[in-house]
């Protein structure tokens, strides 16, 4: 199946017949000067025309809202410094390091 169109029909000597393919979109042919000059051209994607319209595949379903993230308490600066040095963290039930030392216990005896 082809579609014919006459260009420049006003002047017979300069008329050009354009032919376009319906089956292969992008295929064209022409004839001019009473058939002395002719040619063809194809500029397409190599797919036959179909009566079905283009329908892309449907998009996937939208994901649900993410669950809330449980926030953790930041470790104290003293523990971060120990970890950066590669040292072990003190145990929670050990007495070393977590409680500040009280100053002045021995000095109270001197004032009395």
PDB file of N, CA and C in Angstrom:
ATOM      1  N   UNK A   1       0.830  -1.190   0.000  1.00  0.00           N
ATOM      2  CA  UNK A   1       0.000   0.000   0.000  1.00  0.00           C
ATOM      3  C   UNK A   1       0.875   1.254   0.000  1.00  0.00           C
ATOM      4  N   UNK A   2       0.589   2.092  -0.929  1.00  0.00           N
ATOM      5  CA  UNK A   2       1.343   3.326  -1.106  1.00  0.00           C
ATOM      6  C   UNK A   2       0.374   4.493  -1.206  1.00  0.00           C
ATOM      7  N   UNK A   3       0.835   5.655  -0.846  1.00  0.00           N
ATOM      8  CA  UNK A   3       0.050   6.884  -0.974  1.00  0.00           C
ATOM      9  C   UNK A   3       0.782   7.761  -1.987  1.00  0.00           C
ATOM     10  N   UNK A   4       0.063   8.182  -3.019  1.00  0.00           N
ATOM     11  CA  UNK A   4       0.633   9.020  -4.070  1.00  0.00           C
ATOM     12  C   UNK A   4       0.222  10.461  -3.877  1.00  0.00           C
ATOM     13  N   UNK A   5       1.145  11.381  -4.178  1.00  0.00           N
ATOM     14  CA  UNK A   5       0.814  12.804  -4.115  1.00  0.00           C
ATOM     15  C   UNK A   5       1.571  13.517  -5.240  1.00  0.00           C
ATOM     16  N   UNK A   6       0.865  14.352  -5.941  1.00  0.00           N
ATOM     17  CA  UNK A   6       1.464  15.121  -7.026  1.00  0.00           C
ATOM     18  C   UNK A   6       1.839  16.501  -6.515  1.00  0.00           C
ATOM     19  N   UNK A   7       3.101  16.839  -6.646  1.00  0.00           N
ATOM     20  CA  UNK A   7       3.607  18.146  -6.228  1.00  0.00           C
ATOM     21  C   UNK A   7       3.803  18.998  -7.482  1.00  0.00           C
ATOM     22  N   UNK A   8       3.582  20.291  -7.367  1.00  0.00           N
ATOM     23  CA  UNK A   8       3.772  21.242  -8.469  1.00  0.00           C
ATOM     24  C   UNK A   8       2.929  20.861  -9.688  1.00  0.00           C
ATOM     25  N   UNK A   9       1.671  20.585  -9.487  1.00  0.00           N
ATOM     26  CA  UNK A   9       0.789  20.176 -10.579  1.00  0.00           C
ATOM     27  C   UNK A   9       0.476  21.332 -11.522  1.00  0.00           C
ATOM     28  N   UNK A  10       0.757  22.563 -11.112  1.00  0.00           N
ATOM     29  CA  UNK A  10       0.447  23.725 -11.953  1.00  0.00           C
ATOM     30  C   UNK A  10       1.283  23.714 -13.230  1.00  0.00           C
ATOM     31  N   UNK A  11       2.537  23.307 -13.117  1.00  0.00           N
ATOM     32  CA  UNK A  11       3.423  23.247 -14.282  1.00  0.00           C
ATOM     33  C   UNK A  11       3.724  21.790 -14.593  1.00  0.00           C
ATOM     34  N   UNK A  12       3.248  21.292 -15.707  1.00  0.00           N
ATOM     35  CA  UNK A  12       3.413  19.880 -16.041  1.00  0.00           C
ATOM     36  C   UNK A  12       4.884  19.500 -16.189  1.00  0.00           C
ATOM     37  N   UNK A  13       5.681  20.391 -16.721  1.00  0.00           N
ATOM     38  CA  UNK A  13       7.083  20.059 -16.959  1.00  0.00           C
ATOM     39  C   UNK A  13       7.879  19.959 -15.647  1.00  0.00           C
ATOM     40  N   UNK A  14       7.373  20.563 -14.595  1.00  0.00           N
ATOM     41  CA  UNK A  14       8.096  20.576 -13.323  1.00  0.00           C
ATOM     42  C   UNK A  14       7.381  19.780 -12.237  1.00  0.00           C
ATOM     43  N   UNK A  15       6.425  18.978 -12.579  1.00  0.00           N
ATOM     44  CA  UNK A  15       5.670  18.201 -11.595  1.00  0.00           C
ATOM     45  C   UNK A  15       6.509  17.060 -11.014  1.00  0.00           C
ATOM     46  N   UNK A  16       6.263  16.770  -9.762  1.00  0.00           N
ATOM     47  CA  UNK A  16       6.956  15.686  -9.059  1.00  0.00           C
ATOM     48  C   UNK A  16       5.904  14.814  -8.401  1.00  0.00           C
ATOM     49  N   UNK A  17       6.018  13.500  -8.606  1.00  0.00           N
ATOM     50  CA  UNK A  17       5.112  12.567  -7.954  1.00  0.00           C
ATOM     51  C   UNK A  17       5.849  12.005  -6.736  1.00  0.00           C
ATOM     52  N   UNK A  18       5.256  12.183  -5.545  1.00  0.00           N
ATOM     53  CA  UNK A  18       5.816  11.660  -4.301  1.00  0.00           C
ATOM     54  C   UNK A  18       5.009  10.416  -3.907  1.00  0.00           C
ATOM     55  N   UNK A  19       5.702   9.345  -3.546  1.00  0.00           N
ATOM     56  CA  UNK A  19       5.068   8.095  -3.147  1.00  0.00           C
ATOM     57  C   UNK A  19       5.573   7.756  -1.748  1.00  0.00           C
ATOM     58  N   UNK A  20       4.613   7.474  -0.839  1.00  0.00           N
ATOM     59  CA  UNK A  20       4.961   7.162   0.548  1.00  0.00           C
ATOM     60  C   UNK A  20       4.378   5.802   0.897  1.00  0.00           C
ATOM     61  N   UNK A  21       5.179   4.959   1.549  1.00  0.00           N
ATOM     62  CA  UNK A  21       4.719   3.633   1.934  1.00  0.00           C
ATOM     63  C   UNK A  21       3.896   3.724   3.214  1.00  0.00           C
ATOM     64  N   UNK A  22       2.792   3.010   3.221  1.00  0.00           N
ATOM     65  CA  UNK A  22       1.959   2.943   4.425  1.00  0.00           C
ATOM     66  C   UNK A  22       2.439   1.806   5.325  1.00  0.00           C
ATOM     67  N   UNK A  23       2.938   0.740   4.730  1.00  0.00           N
ATOM     68  CA  UNK A  23       3.377  -0.422   5.496  1.00  0.00           C
ATOM     69  C   UNK A  23       4.721  -0.169   6.179  1.00  0.00           C
ATOM     70  N   UNK A  24       5.638   0.526   5.516  1.00  0.00           N
ATOM     71  CA  UNK A  24       6.963   0.796   6.058  1.00  0.00           C
ATOM     72  C   UNK A  24       7.112   2.296   6.263  1.00  0.00           C
ATOM     73  N   UNK A  25       6.796   2.813   7.440  1.00  0.00           N
ATOM     74  CA  UNK A  25       6.916   4.256   7.669  1.00  0.00           C
ATOM     75  C   UNK A  25       8.358   4.712   7.454  1.00  0.00           C
ATOM     76  N   UNK A  26       8.516   5.773   6.706  1.00  0.00           N
ATOM     77  CA  UNK A  26       9.840   6.301   6.412  1.00  0.00           C
ATOM     78  C   UNK A  26      10.323   5.963   5.019  1.00  0.00           C
ATOM     79  N   UNK A  27       9.572   5.143   4.254  1.00  0.00           N
ATOM     80  CA  UNK A  27       9.962   4.797   2.885  1.00  0.00           C
ATOM     81  C   UNK A  27       9.274   5.763   1.925  1.00  0.00           C
ATOM     82  N   UNK A  28      10.079   6.423   1.093  1.00  0.00           N
ATOM     83  CA  UNK A  28       9.569   7.404   0.134  1.00  0.00           C
ATOM     84  C   UNK A  28      10.209   7.131  -1.233  1.00  0.00           C
ATOM     85  N   UNK A  29       9.480   7.523  -2.278  1.00  0.00           N
ATOM     86  CA  UNK A  29      10.018   7.472  -3.636  1.00  0.00           C
ATOM     87  C   UNK A  29       9.479   8.683  -4.385  1.00  0.00           C
ATOM     88  N   UNK A  30      10.193   9.074  -5.444  1.00  0.00           N
ATOM     89  CA  UNK A  30       9.747  10.219  -6.235  1.00  0.00           C
ATOM     90  C   UNK A  30      10.071   9.960  -7.701  1.00  0.00           C
ATOM     91  N   UNK A  31       9.323  10.619  -8.549  1.00  0.00           N
ATOM     92  CA  UNK A  31       9.581  10.591  -9.997  1.00  0.00           C
ATOM     93  C   UNK A  31       9.309  11.999 -10.515  1.00  0.00           C
ATOM     94  N   UNK A  32      10.187  12.489 -11.385  1.00  0.00           N
ATOM     95  CA  UNK A  32      10.052  13.839 -11.928  1.00  0.00           C
ATOM     96  C   UNK A  32      10.468  13.834 -13.396  1.00  0.00           C
ATOM     97  N   UNK A  33      10.148  14.905 -14.063  1.00  0.00           N
ATOM     98  CA  UNK A  33      10.499  15.112 -15.471  1.00  0.00           C
ATOM     99  C   UNK A  33      10.021  13.954 -16.334  1.00  0.00           C
ATOM    100  N   UNK A  34       8.785  13.533 -16.102  1.00  0.00           N
ATOM    101  CA  UNK A  34       8.203  12.469 -16.918  1.00  0.00           C
ATOM    102  C   UNK A  34       8.879  11.126 -16.709  1.00  0.00           C
ATOM    103  N   UNK A  35       9.487  10.883 -15.563  1.00  0.00           N
ATOM    104  CA  UNK A  35      10.131   9.610 -15.264  1.00  0.00           C
ATOM    105  C   UNK A  35      11.605   9.587 -15.599  1.00  0.00           C
ATOM    106  N   UNK A  36      12.143  10.697 -16.115  1.00  0.00           N
ATOM    107  CA  UNK A  36      13.568  10.749 -16.429  1.00  0.00           C
ATOM    108  C   UNK A  36      14.412  10.840 -15.161  1.00  0.00           C
ATOM    109  N   UNK A  37      13.864  11.431 -14.117  1.00  0.00           N
ATOM    110  CA  UNK A  37      14.565  11.582 -12.847  1.00  0.00           C
ATOM    111  C   UNK A  37      13.728  10.921 -11.767  1.00  0.00           C
ATOM    112  N   UNK A  38      14.327  10.007 -11.032  1.00  0.00           N
ATOM    113  CA  UNK A  38      13.594   9.327  -9.961  1.00  0.00           C
ATOM    114  C   UNK A  38      14.564   8.868  -8.885  1.00  0.00           C
ATOM    115  N   UNK A  39      14.006   8.486  -7.753  1.00  0.00           N
ATOM    116  CA  UNK A  39      14.826   8.008  -6.654  1.00  0.00           C
ATOM    117  C   UNK A  39      13.952   7.536  -5.506  1.00  0.00           C
ATOM    118  N   UNK A  40      14.598   6.968  -4.505  1.00  0.00           N
ATOM    119  CA  UNK A  40      13.866   6.536  -3.314  1.00  0.00           C
ATOM    120  C   UNK A  40      14.726   6.783  -2.089  1.00  0.00           C
ATOM    121  N   UNK A  41      14.058   6.783  -0.942  1.00  0.00           N
ATOM    122  CA  UNK A  41      14.718   7.109   0.322  1.00  0.00           C
ATOM    123  C   UNK A  41      14.013   6.355   1.437  1.00  0.00           C
ATOM    124  N   UNK A  42      14.790   5.812   2.344  1.00  0.00           N
ATOM    125  CA  UNK A  42      14.196   5.184   3.533  1.00  0.00           C
ATOM    126  C   UNK A  42      14.869   5.763   4.763  1.00  0.00           C
ATOM    127  N   UNK A  43      14.061   6.375   5.616  1.00  0.00           N
ATOM    128  CA  UNK A  43      14.525   6.913   6.893  1.00  0.00           C
ATOM    129  C   UNK A  43      13.521   6.410   7.939  1.00  0.00           C
ATOM    130  N   UNK A  44      13.812   5.254   8.507  1.00  0.00           N
ATOM    131  CA  UNK A  44      12.887   4.672   9.468  1.00  0.00           C
ATOM    132  C   UNK A  44      13.628   3.786  10.452  1.00  0.00           C
ATOM    133  N   UNK A  45      12.864   3.062  11.263  1.00  0.00           N
ATOM    134  CA  UNK A  45      13.468   2.214  12.294  1.00  0.00           C
ATOM    135  C   UNK A  45      13.432   0.736  11.932  1.00  0.00           C
ATOM    136  N   UNK A  46      12.980   0.384  10.735  1.00  0.00           N
ATOM    137  CA  UNK A  46      12.981  -1.005  10.297  1.00  0.00           C
ATOM    138  C   UNK A  46      11.825  -1.831  10.816  1.00  0.00           C
ATOM    139  N   UNK A  47      10.817  -1.192  11.368  1.00  0.00           N
ATOM    140  CA  UNK A  47       9.646  -1.908  11.883  1.00  0.00           C
ATOM    141  C   UNK A  47       8.439  -1.612  11.007  1.00  0.00           C
ATOM    142  N   UNK A  48       7.687  -2.650  10.688  1.00  0.00           N
ATOM    143  CA  UNK A  48       6.463  -2.455   9.920  1.00  0.00           C
ATOM    144  C   UNK A  48       5.454  -1.682  10.755  1.00  0.00           C
ATOM    145  N   UNK A  49       4.612  -0.948  10.048  1.00  0.00           N
ATOM    146  CA  UNK A  49       3.524  -0.248  10.736  1.00  0.00           C
ATOM    147  C   UNK A  49       2.487  -1.277  11.166  1.00  0.00           C
ATOM    148  N   UNK A  50       1.920  -1.076  12.325  1.00  0.00           N
ATOM    149  CA  UNK A  50       0.879  -1.988  12.796  1.00  0.00           C
ATOM    150  C   UNK A  50      -0.360  -1.177  13.140  1.00  0.00           C
ATOM    151  N   UNK A  51      -1.482  -1.867  13.153  1.00  0.00           N
ATOM    152  CA  UNK A  51      -2.721  -1.172  13.481  1.00  0.00           C
ATOM    153  C   UNK A  51      -2.869  -0.986  14.995  1.00  0.00           C
ATOM    154  N   UNK A  52      -2.028  -1.699  15.750  1.00  0.00           N
ATOM    155  CA  UNK A  52      -2.091  -1.547  17.205  1.00  0.00           C
ATOM    156  C   UNK A  52      -1.342  -0.286  17.623  1.00  0.00           C
ATOM    157  N   UNK A  53      -1.936   0.502  18.480  1.00  0.00           N
ATOM    158  CA  UNK A  53      -1.215   1.684  18.964  1.00  0.00           C
ATOM    159  C   UNK A  53      -0.110   1.274  19.936  1.00  0.00           C
ATOM    160  N   UNK A  54       0.875   2.111  20.032  1.00  0.00           N
ATOM    161  CA  UNK A  54       1.980   1.835  20.951  1.00  0.00           C
ATOM    162  C   UNK A  54       1.485   1.962  22.388  1.00  0.00           C
ATOM    163  N   UNK A  55       1.716   0.952  23.190  1.00  0.00           N
ATOM    164  CA  UNK A  55       1.301   0.966  24.595  1.00  0.00           C
ATOM    165  C   UNK A  55       2.452   0.419  25.431  1.00  0.00           C
ATOM    166  N   UNK A  56       3.166   1.281  26.134  1.00  0.00           N
ATOM    167  CA  UNK A  56       4.266   0.794  26.962  1.00  0.00           C
ATOM    168  C   UNK A  56       3.741  -0.046  28.124  1.00  0.00           C
ATOM    169  N   UNK A  57       4.621  -0.858  28.693  1.00  0.00           N
ATOM    170  CA  UNK A  57       4.211  -1.677  29.831  1.00  0.00           C
ATOM    171  C   UNK A  57       3.886  -0.769  31.012  1.00  0.00           C
ATOM    172  N   UNK A  58       2.909  -1.134  31.818  1.00  0.00           N
ATOM    173  CA  UNK A  58       2.563  -0.283  32.960  1.00  0.00           C
ATOM    174  C   UNK A  58       3.695  -0.217  33.982  1.00  0.00           C
ATOM    175  N   UNK A  59       3.767   0.889  34.657  1.00  0.00           N
ATOM    176  CA  UNK A  59       4.801   1.091  35.675  1.00  0.00           C
ATOM    177  C   UNK A  59       4.522   0.201  36.882  1.00  0.00           C
ATOM    178  N   UNK A  60       5.554  -0.178  37.634  1.00  0.00           N
ATOM    179  CA  UNK A  60       5.323  -0.988  38.840  1.00  0.00           C
ATOM    180  C   UNK A  60       4.572  -0.178  39.890  1.00  0.00           C
ATOM    181  N   UNK A  61       3.978  -0.905  40.834  1.00  0.00           N
ATOM    182  CA  UNK A  61       3.224  -0.229  41.888  1.00  0.00           C
ATOM    183  C   UNK A  61       4.143   0.642  42.738  1.00  0.00           C
ATOM    184  N   UNK A  62       3.581   1.716  43.245  1.00  0.00           N
ATOM    185  CA  UNK A  62       4.351   2.621  44.095  1.00  0.00           C
ATOM    186  C   UNK A  62       4.573   1.941  45.439  1.00  0.00           C
ATOM    187  N   UNK A  63       5.799   2.054  45.944  1.00  0.00           N
ATOM    188  CA  UNK A  63       6.122   1.402  47.205  1.00  0.00           C
ATOM    189  C   UNK A  63       5.425   2.100  48.366  1.00  0.00           C
ATOM    190  N   UNK A  64       5.189   1.330  49.419  1.00  0.00           N
ATOM    191  CA  UNK A  64       4.545   1.875  50.608  1.00  0.00           C
ATOM    192  C   UNK A  64       5.537   2.704  51.408  1.00  0.00           C
ATOM    193  N   UNK A  65       5.008   3.463  52.338  1.00  0.00           N
ATOM    194  CA  UNK A  65       5.837   4.289  53.221  1.00  0.00           C
ATOM    195  C   UNK A  65       6.758   3.396  54.046  1.00  0.00           C
ATOM    196  N   UNK A  66       7.979   3.814  54.203  1.00  0.00           N
ATOM    197  CA  UNK A  66       8.947   3.035  54.980  1.00  0.00           C
ATOM    198  C   UNK A  66       8.574   3.063  56.468  1.00  0.00           C
ATOM    199  N   UNK A  67       8.924   1.973  57.167  1.00  0.00           N
ATOM    200  CA  UNK A  67       8.689   1.935  58.608  1.00  0.00           C
ATOM    201  C   UNK A  67       9.577   2.964  59.287  1.00  0.00           C
ATOM    202  N   UNK A  68       9.114   3.461  60.429  1.00  0.00           N
ATOM    203  CA  UNK A  68       9.901   4.442  61.169  1.00  0.00           C
ATOM    204  C   UNK A  68      11.202   3.809  61.648  1.00  0.00           C
ATOM    205  N   UNK A  69      12.240   4.594  61.623  1.00  0.00           N
ATOM    206  CA  UNK A  69      13.558   4.125  62.044  1.00  0.00           C
ATOM    207  C   UNK A  69      13.687   4.335  63.548  1.00  0.00           C
ATOM    208  N   UNK A  70      14.188   3.320  64.237  1.00  0.00           N
ATOM    209  CA  UNK A  70      14.399   3.430  65.675  1.00  0.00           C
ATOM    210  C   UNK A  70      15.704   4.191  65.897  1.00  0.00           C
ATOM    211  N   UNK A  71      15.620   5.259  66.647  1.00  0.00           N
ATOM    212  CA  UNK A  71      16.811   6.060  66.906  1.00  0.00           C
ATOM    213  C   UNK A  71      17.537   5.522  68.129  1.00  0.00           C
ATOM    214  N   UNK A  72      18.862   5.566  68.073  1.00  0.00           N
ATOM    215  CA  UNK A  72      19.684   5.109  69.174  1.00  0.00           C
ATOM    216  C   UNK A  72      20.316   6.313  69.852  1.00  0.00           C
ATOM    217  N   UNK A  73      20.611   6.154  71.124  1.00  0.00           N
ATOM    218  CA  UNK A  73      21.256   7.218  71.888  1.00  0.00           C
ATOM    219  C   UNK A  73      22.731   7.246  71.505  1.00  0.00           C
ATOM    220  N   UNK A  74      23.269   8.432  71.261  1.00  0.00           N
ATOM    221  CA  UNK A  74      24.686   8.566  70.921  1.00  0.00           C
ATOM    222  C   UNK A  74      25.545   8.209  72.122  1.00  0.00           C
ATOM    223  N   UNK A  75      26.662   7.540  71.884  1.00  0.00           N
ATOM    224  CA  UNK A  75      27.554   7.219  72.996  1.00  0.00           C
ATOM    225  C   UNK A  75      28.240   8.491  73.497  1.00  0.00           C
ATOM    226  N   UNK A  76      28.629   8.503  74.764  1.00  0.00           N
ATOM    227  CA  UNK A  76      29.319   9.692  75.278  1.00  0.00           C
ATOM    228  C   UNK A  76      30.662   9.889  74.566  1.00  0.00           C
ATOM    229  N   UNK A  77      31.160  11.105  74.622  1.00  0.00           N
ATOM    230  CA  UNK A  77      32.405  11.458  73.935  1.00  0.00           C
ATOM    231  C   UNK A  77      33.583  10.635  74.445  1.00  0.00           C
ATOM    232  N   UNK A  78      33.561  10.311  75.737  1.00  0.00           N
ATOM    233  CA  UNK A  78      34.658   9.543  76.330  1.00  0.00           C
ATOM    234  C   UNK A  78      34.737   8.154  75.690  1.00  0.00           C
ATOM    235  N   UNK A  79      33.572   7.534  75.435  1.00  0.00           N
ATOM    236  CA  UNK A  79      33.561   6.215  74.813  1.00  0.00           C
ATOM    237  C   UNK A  79      34.012   6.303  73.355  1.00  0.00           C
ATOM    238  N   UNK A  80      33.631   7.367  72.650  1.00  0.00           N
ATOM    239  CA  UNK A  80      34.063   7.531  71.254  1.00  0.00           C
ATOM    240  C   UNK A  80      35.578   7.649  71.164  1.00  0.00           C
ATOM    241  N   UNK A  81      36.179   8.404  72.093  1.00  0.00           N
ATOM    242  CA  UNK A  81      37.633   8.562  72.086  1.00  0.00           C
ATOM    243  C   UNK A  81      38.318   7.220  72.321  1.00  0.00           C
ATOM    244  N   UNK A  82      37.783   6.430  73.223  1.00  0.00           N
ATOM    245  CA  UNK A  82      38.361   5.113  73.488  1.00  0.00           C
ATOM    246  C   UNK A  82      38.278   4.211  72.254  1.00  0.00           C
ATOM    247  N   UNK A  83      37.138   4.241  71.584  1.00  0.00           N
ATOM    248  CA  UNK A  83      36.974   3.412  70.399  1.00  0.00           C
ATOM    249  C   UNK A  83      37.900   3.853  69.271  1.00  0.00           C
ATOM    250  N   UNK A  84      38.105   5.150  69.113  1.00  0.00           N
ATOM    251  CA  UNK A  84      39.013   5.639  68.067  1.00  0.00           C
ATOM    252  C   UNK A  84      40.455   5.230  68.337  1.00  0.00           C
ATOM    253  N   UNK A  85      40.825   5.153  69.600  1.00  0.00           N
ATOM    254  CA  UNK A  85      42.179   4.722  69.967  1.00  0.00           C
ATOM    255  C   UNK A  85      42.332   3.205  69.861  1.00  0.00           C
ATOM    256  N   UNK A  86      41.218   2.494  69.775  1.00  0.00           N
ATOM    257  CA  UNK A  86      41.267   1.044  69.706  1.00  0.00           C
ATOM    258  C   UNK A  86      41.240   0.389  71.060  1.00  0.00           C
ATOM    259  N   UNK A  87      40.870   1.126  72.094  1.00  0.00           N
ATOM    260  CA  UNK A  87      40.837   0.573  73.442  1.00  0.00           C
ATOM    261  C   UNK A  87      39.469  -0.020  73.723  1.00  0.00           C
ATOM    262  N   UNK A  88      39.425  -0.867  74.735  1.00  0.00           N
ATOM    263  CA  UNK A  88      38.179  -1.514  75.137  1.00  0.00           C
ATOM    264  C   UNK A  88      37.323  -0.535  75.933  1.00  0.00           C
ATOM    265  N   UNK A  89      36.010  -0.692  75.800  1.00  0.00           N
ATOM    266  CA  UNK A  89      35.102   0.118  76.603  1.00  0.00           C
ATOM    267  C   UNK A  89      35.012  -0.471  77.999  1.00  0.00           C
ATOM    268  N   UNK A  90      34.898   0.367  79.015  1.00  0.00           N
ATOM    269  CA  UNK A  90      34.757  -0.170  80.377  1.00  0.00           C
ATOM    270  C   UNK A  90      33.386  -0.838  80.539  1.00  0.00           C
ATOM    271  N   UNK A  91      33.339  -1.889  81.365  1.00  0.00           N
ATOM    272  CA  UNK A  91      32.071  -2.563  81.640  1.00  0.00           C
ATOM    273  C   UNK A  91      31.180  -1.642  82.450  1.00  0.00           C
ATOM    274  N   UNK A  92      29.870  -1.799  82.273  1.00  0.00           N
ATOM    275  CA  UNK A  92      28.934  -0.933  82.995  1.00  0.00           C
ATOM    276  C   UNK A  92      28.976  -1.180  84.501  1.00  0.00           C
ATOM    277  N   UNK A  93      29.232  -2.430  84.914  1.00  0.00           N
ATOM    278  CA  UNK A  93      29.226  -2.715  86.346  1.00  0.00           C
ATOM    279  C   UNK A  93      30.601  -2.522  86.991  1.00  0.00           C
ATOM    280  N   UNK A  94      31.615  -2.178  86.169  1.00  0.00           N
ATOM    281  CA  UNK A  94      32.921  -1.918  86.770  1.00  0.00           C
ATOM    282  C   UNK A  94      32.956  -0.509  87.332  1.00  0.00           C
ATOM    283  N   UNK A  95      33.806  -0.295  88.321  1.00  0.00           N
ATOM    284  CA  UNK A  95      33.876   1.013  88.966  1.00  0.00           C
ATOM    285  C   UNK A  95      34.899   1.918  88.300  1.00  0.00           C
ATOM    286  N   UNK A  96      35.682   1.399  87.397  1.00  0.00           N
ATOM    287  CA  UNK A  96      36.767   2.180  86.813  1.00  0.00           C
ATOM    288  C   UNK A  96      36.258   3.060  85.684  1.00  0.00           C
ATOM    289  N   UNK A  97      36.452   4.335  85.828  1.00  0.00           N
ATOM    290  CA  UNK A  97      36.289   5.270  84.736  1.00  0.00           C
ATOM    291  C   UNK A  97      34.950   5.950  84.595  1.00  0.00           C
ATOM    292  N   UNK A  98      33.818   5.360  84.943  1.00  0.00           N
ATOM    293  CA  UNK A  98      32.536   5.997  84.665  1.00  0.00           C
ATOM    294  C   UNK A  98      32.210   7.121  85.638  1.00  0.00           C
ATOM    295  N   UNK A  99      32.560   6.966  86.906  1.00  0.00           N
ATOM    296  CA  UNK A  99      32.194   7.980  87.899  1.00  0.00           C
ATOM    297  C   UNK A  99      33.363   8.947  88.102  1.00  0.00           C
ATOM    298  N   UNK A 100      33.084  10.225  88.207  1.00  0.00           N
ATOM    299  CA  UNK A 100      34.177  11.179  88.437  1.00  0.00           C
ATOM    300  C   UNK A 100      34.732  10.997  89.852  1.00  0.00           C
ATOM    301  N   UNK A 101      36.048  11.184  89.943  1.00  0.00           N
ATOM    302  CA  UNK A 101      36.689  11.036  91.260  1.00  0.00           C
ATOM    303  C   UNK A 101      36.361  12.243  92.122  1.00  0.00           C
ATOM    304  N   UNK A 102      36.109  11.984  93.387  1.00  0.00           N
ATOM    305  CA  UNK A 102      35.802  13.082  94.303  1.00  0.00           C
ATOM    306  C   UNK A 102      37.105  13.627  94.874  1.00  0.00           C
ATOM    307  N   UNK A 103      37.284  14.910  94.740  1.00  0.00           N
ATOM    308  CA  UNK A 103      38.506  15.539  95.258  1.00  0.00           C
ATOM    309  C   UNK A 103      38.216  16.121  96.632  1.00  0.00           C
ATOM    310  N   UNK A 104      39.207  16.146  97.393  1.00  0.00           N
ATOM    311  CA  UNK A 104      39.086  16.811  98.687  1.00  0.00           C
ATOM    312  C   UNK A 104      38.736  15.890  99.828  1.00  0.00           C
ATOM    313  N   UNK A 105      38.652  14.558  99.616  1.00  0.00           N
ATOM    314  CA  UNK A 105      38.339  13.689 100.725  1.00  0.00           C
ATOM    315  C   UNK A 105      39.477  13.679 101.751  1.00  0.00           C
ATOM    316  N   UNK A 106      40.718  13.650 101.247  1.00  0.00           N
ATOM    317  CA  UNK A 106      41.853  13.640 102.176  1.00  0.00           C
ATOM    318  C   UNK A 106      42.087  15.029 102.729  1.00  0.00           C
ATOM    319  N   UNK A 107      41.707  16.033 101.989  1.00  0.00           N
ATOM    320  CA  UNK A 107      41.933  17.402 102.445  1.00  0.00           C
ATOM    321  C   UNK A 107      41.014  17.812 103.558  1.00  0.00           C
ATOM    322  N   UNK A 108      39.870  17.132 103.757  1.00  0.00           N
ATOM    323  CA  UNK A 108      38.934  17.480 104.822  1.00  0.00           C
ATOM    324  C   UNK A 108      39.542  17.206 106.185  1.00  0.00           C
ATOM    325  N   UNK A 109      40.436  16.210 106.284  1.00  0.00           N
ATOM    326  CA  UNK A 109      41.038  15.882 107.574  1.00  0.00           C
ATOM    327  C   UNK A 109      41.978  16.984 108.033  1.00  0.00           C
ATOM    328  N   UNK A 110      42.623  17.673 107.103  1.00  0.00           N
ATOM    329  CA  UNK A 110      43.577  18.706 107.473  1.00  0.00           C
ATOM    330  C   UNK A 110      42.892  19.923 108.085  1.00  0.00           C
ATOM    331  N   UNK A 111      41.657  20.219 107.637  1.00  0.00           N
ATOM    332  CA  UNK A 111      40.957  21.406 108.144  1.00  0.00           C
ATOM    333  C   UNK A 111      40.460  21.198 109.549  1.00  0.00           C
ATOM    334  N   UNK A 112      40.281  20.014 110.024  1.00  0.00           N
ATOM    335  CA  UNK A 112      39.717  19.770 111.323  1.00  0.00           C
ATOM    336  C   UNK A 112      40.647  19.967 112.445  1.00  0.00           C
TER     337      UNK A 112
END
